[in-house]
Amino acid sequence: QVQLVESGGGLVQPGGSLRLSCAASGFTFSSYAMSWYRRAPGKERDFVAGISNTGPTTKYADSVKGRFTISRDNAKNTVYLQMNSLKPDDTAVYYCRAFVGSIYWGQGTQVTVSS
């Protein structure tokens, strides 16, 4: 079955960086677009970034453009989210998402940006 496992979250100071990873299994990873979402405290889950199946096409939420970079390694069945210049407003649980006939989510990884 489809499984998505995120890692790499943690506590970071404003201006710092983190790289999230999402390891995928149970489907032909290289055939599907992938995306990252986040849910901040008290808010709905929002789109952060997406990448096409082969990687040349990416899309970002306006709030993260120029600071976050989504990438993928199809040989490792993994999608990444490099987050730079982090702000307190980036504090959220970050989720990996795949649409493989149905929508699948990972369990999420907590990112806290605080001094």
C-alpha atoms as a PDB file:
ATOM      1  CA  GLN A   1       0.000   0.000   0.000  1.00  0.00           C
ATOM      2  CA  VAL A   2       1.020   3.625  -0.417  1.00  0.00           C
ATOM      3  CA  GLN A   3       3.190   4.890   2.411  1.00  0.00           C
ATOM      4  CA  LEU A   4       4.699   8.321   2.903  1.00  0.00           C
ATOM      5  CA  VAL A   5       7.108   8.925   5.764  1.00  0.00           C
ATOM      6  CA  GLU A   6       8.333  12.441   6.516  1.00  0.00           C
ATOM      7  CA  SER A   7      11.441  13.313   8.494  1.00  0.00           C
ATOM      8  CA  GLY A   8      13.731  16.248   9.164  1.00  0.00           C
ATOM      9  CA  GLY A   9      11.548  18.524  11.227  1.00  0.00           C
ATOM     10  CA  GLY A  10      12.673  20.203  14.418  1.00  0.00           C
ATOM     11  CA  LEU A  11      13.247  23.444  16.269  1.00  0.00           C
ATOM     12  CA  VAL A  12      15.165  26.153  14.437  1.00  0.00           C
ATOM     13  CA  GLN A  13      15.839  29.827  15.060  1.00  0.00           C
ATOM     14  CA  PRO A  14      14.422  32.503  12.751  1.00  0.00           C
ATOM     15  CA  GLY A  15      16.622  32.808   9.681  1.00  0.00           C
ATOM     16  CA  GLY A  16      17.719  29.199   9.947  1.00  0.00           C
ATOM     17  CA  SER A  17      17.305  26.295   7.561  1.00  0.00           C
ATOM     18  CA  LEU A  18      15.884  22.785   7.576  1.00  0.00           C
ATOM     19  CA  ARG A  19      15.539  20.073   4.955  1.00  0.00           C
ATOM     20  CA  LEU A  20      12.514  17.824   5.090  1.00  0.00           C
ATOM     21  CA  SER A  21      12.433  14.425   3.439  1.00  0.00           C
ATOM     22  CA  CYS A  22       9.524  12.226   2.444  1.00  0.00           C
ATOM     23  CA  ALA A  23      10.253   8.585   1.671  1.00  0.00           C
ATOM     24  CA  ALA A  24       7.588   7.006  -0.521  1.00  0.00           C
ATOM     25  CA  SER A  25       6.722   3.362  -1.123  1.00  0.00           C
ATOM     26  CA  GLY A  26       3.921   1.225  -2.503  1.00  0.00           C
ATOM     27  CA  PHE A  27       3.630   2.919  -5.888  1.00  0.00           C
ATOM     28  CA  THR A  28       5.737   3.840  -8.920  1.00  0.00           C
ATOM     29  CA  PHE A  29       7.163   7.020  -7.466  1.00  0.00           C
ATOM     30  CA  SER A  30       8.643   8.347 -10.707  1.00  0.00           C
ATOM     31  CA  SER A  31       5.201   8.387 -12.348  1.00  0.00           C
ATOM     32  CA  TYR A  32       3.530  10.791  -9.932  1.00  0.00           C
ATOM     33  CA  ALA A  33       3.743  14.411  -8.946  1.00  0.00           C
ATOM     34  CA  MET A  34       4.382  15.064  -5.277  1.00  0.00           C
ATOM     35  CA  SER A  35       3.653  17.970  -2.990  1.00  0.00           C
ATOM     36  CA  TRP A  36       4.166  19.399   0.460  1.00  0.00           C
ATOM     37  CA  TYR A  37       1.455  20.936   2.614  1.00  0.00           C
ATOM     38  CA  ARG A  38       1.501  22.407   6.097  1.00  0.00           C
ATOM     39  CA  ARG A  39      -0.937  23.006   8.913  1.00  0.00           C
ATOM     40  CA  ALA A  40      -0.165  25.847  11.283  1.00  0.00           C
ATOM     41  CA  PRO A  41      -1.745  25.885  14.757  1.00  0.00           C
ATOM     42  CA  GLY A  42      -5.432  26.712  14.506  1.00  0.00           C
ATOM     43  CA  LYS A  43      -5.400  26.842  10.702  1.00  0.00           C
ATOM     44  CA  GLU A  44      -6.313  24.607   7.801  1.00  0.00           C
ATOM     45  CA  ARG A  45      -3.781  22.539   5.896  1.00  0.00           C
ATOM     46  CA  ASP A  46      -2.347  24.659   3.061  1.00  0.00           C
ATOM     47  CA  PHE A  47      -0.344  23.944  -0.067  1.00  0.00           C
ATOM     48  CA  VAL A  48       3.370  24.740   0.194  1.00  0.00           C
ATOM     49  CA  ALA A  49       5.092  23.328  -2.896  1.00  0.00           C
ATOM     50  CA  GLY A  50       4.630  20.783  -5.664  1.00  0.00           C
ATOM     51  CA  ILE A  51       6.848  19.032  -8.186  1.00  0.00           C
ATOM     52  CA  SER A  52       6.082  17.121 -11.363  1.00  0.00           C
ATOM     53  CA  ASN A  53       6.923  13.444 -11.695  1.00  0.00           C
ATOM     54  CA  THR A  54      10.256  14.025 -13.438  1.00  0.00           C
ATOM     55  CA  GLY A  55      11.078  17.172 -11.538  1.00  0.00           C
ATOM     56  CA  PRO A  56      11.422  19.979 -14.049  1.00  0.00           C
ATOM     57  CA  THR A  57       8.152  21.661 -13.079  1.00  0.00           C
ATOM     58  CA  THR A  58       7.677  23.111  -9.629  1.00  0.00           C
ATOM     59  CA  LYS A  59       5.098  25.348  -7.986  1.00  0.00           C
ATOM     60  CA  TYR A  60       5.184  27.271  -4.720  1.00  0.00           C
ATOM     61  CA  ALA A  61       2.847  29.123  -2.436  1.00  0.00           C
ATOM     62  CA  ASP A  62       3.518  32.848  -2.554  1.00  0.00           C
ATOM     63  CA  SER A  63       4.465  32.809   1.126  1.00  0.00           C
ATOM     64  CA  VAL A  64       7.477  30.539   0.528  1.00  0.00           C
ATOM     65  CA  LYS A  65       8.670  31.573  -2.936  1.00  0.00           C
ATOM     66  CA  GLY A  66      12.366  32.346  -2.968  1.00  0.00           C
ATOM     67  CA  ARG A  67      12.916  30.653   0.401  1.00  0.00           C
ATOM     68  CA  PHE A  68      11.810  27.039  -0.087  1.00  0.00           C
ATOM     69  CA  THR A  69      12.899  24.587  -2.773  1.00  0.00           C
ATOM     70  CA  ILE A  70      11.185  21.311  -3.585  1.00  0.00           C
ATOM     71  CA  SER A  71      13.164  18.552  -5.281  1.00  0.00           C
ATOM     72  CA  ARG A  72      13.004  14.805  -5.762  1.00  0.00           C
ATOM     73  CA  ASP A  73      15.280  11.831  -6.259  1.00  0.00           C
ATOM     74  CA  ASN A  74      13.375   9.193  -8.189  1.00  0.00           C
ATOM     75  CA  ALA A  75      16.159   6.658  -7.624  1.00  0.00           C
ATOM     76  CA  LYS A  76      15.569   6.973  -3.874  1.00  0.00           C
ATOM     77  CA  ASN A  77      11.773   7.395  -4.027  1.00  0.00           C
ATOM     78  CA  THR A  78      12.177  10.548  -1.967  1.00  0.00           C
ATOM     79  CA  VAL A  79      10.944  14.111  -2.223  1.00  0.00           C
ATOM     80  CA  TYR A  80      12.627  16.937  -0.341  1.00  0.00           C
ATOM     81  CA  LEU A  81      11.750  20.400   0.890  1.00  0.00           C
ATOM     82  CA  GLN A  82      14.704  22.680   1.524  1.00  0.00           C
ATOM     83  CA  MET A  83      13.568  25.537   3.748  1.00  0.00           C
ATOM     84  CA  ASN A  84      15.791  28.596   4.136  1.00  0.00           C
ATOM     85  CA  SER A  85      15.309  31.945   5.851  1.00  0.00           C
ATOM     86  CA  LEU A  86      12.722  30.412   8.105  1.00  0.00           C
ATOM     87  CA  LYS A  87      10.245  32.655   9.885  1.00  0.00           C
ATOM     88  CA  PRO A  88       8.063  32.090  12.950  1.00  0.00           C
ATOM     89  CA  ASP A  89       5.067  32.012  10.583  1.00  0.00           C
ATOM     90  CA  ASP A  90       6.538  28.870   9.017  1.00  0.00           C
ATOM     91  CA  THR A  91       5.846  26.987  12.253  1.00  0.00           C
ATOM     92  CA  ALA A  92       3.548  24.098  11.319  1.00  0.00           C
ATOM     93  CA  VAL A  93       3.233  20.394  10.836  1.00  0.00           C
ATOM     94  CA  TYR A  94       4.504  19.632   7.342  1.00  0.00           C
ATOM     95  CA  TYR A  95       2.910  16.844   5.324  1.00  0.00           C
ATOM     96  CA  CYS A  96       3.926  15.020   2.192  1.00  0.00           C
ATOM     97  CA  ARG A  97       1.080  14.328  -0.253  1.00  0.00           C
ATOM     98  CA  ALA A  98       0.632  12.020  -3.202  1.00  0.00           C
ATOM     99  CA  PHE A  99      -2.362  11.485  -5.471  1.00  0.00           C
ATOM    100  CA  VAL A 100      -2.252   7.864  -6.563  1.00  0.00           C
ATOM    101  CA  GLY A 101      -5.852   7.261  -7.501  1.00  0.00           C
ATOM    102  CA  SER A 102      -6.685   8.692  -4.090  1.00  0.00           C
ATOM    103  CA  ILE A 103      -5.016  11.285  -1.913  1.00  0.00           C
ATOM    104  CA  TYR A 104      -2.421   9.930   0.472  1.00  0.00           C
ATOM    105  CA  TRP A 105      -0.755  11.815   3.322  1.00  0.00           C
ATOM    106  CA  GLY A 106       2.224  11.135   5.487  1.00  0.00           C
ATOM    107  CA  GLN A 107       2.036  11.380   9.252  1.00  0.00           C
ATOM    108  CA  GLY A 108       3.612  14.835   9.258  1.00  0.00           C
ATOM    109  CA  THR A 109       6.728  16.327  10.784  1.00  0.00           C
ATOM    110  CA  GLN A 110       6.734  19.280  13.165  1.00  0.00           C
ATOM    111  CA  VAL A 111       8.693  22.402  12.262  1.00  0.00           C
ATOM    112  CA  THR A 112       8.997  25.065  14.947  1.00  0.00           C
ATOM    113  CA  VAL A 113      10.689  28.375  14.210  1.00  0.00           C
ATOM    114  CA  SER A 114      11.394  30.235  17.405  1.00  0.00           C
ATOM    115  CA  SER A 115      14.180  32.048  19.215  1.00  0.00           C
END
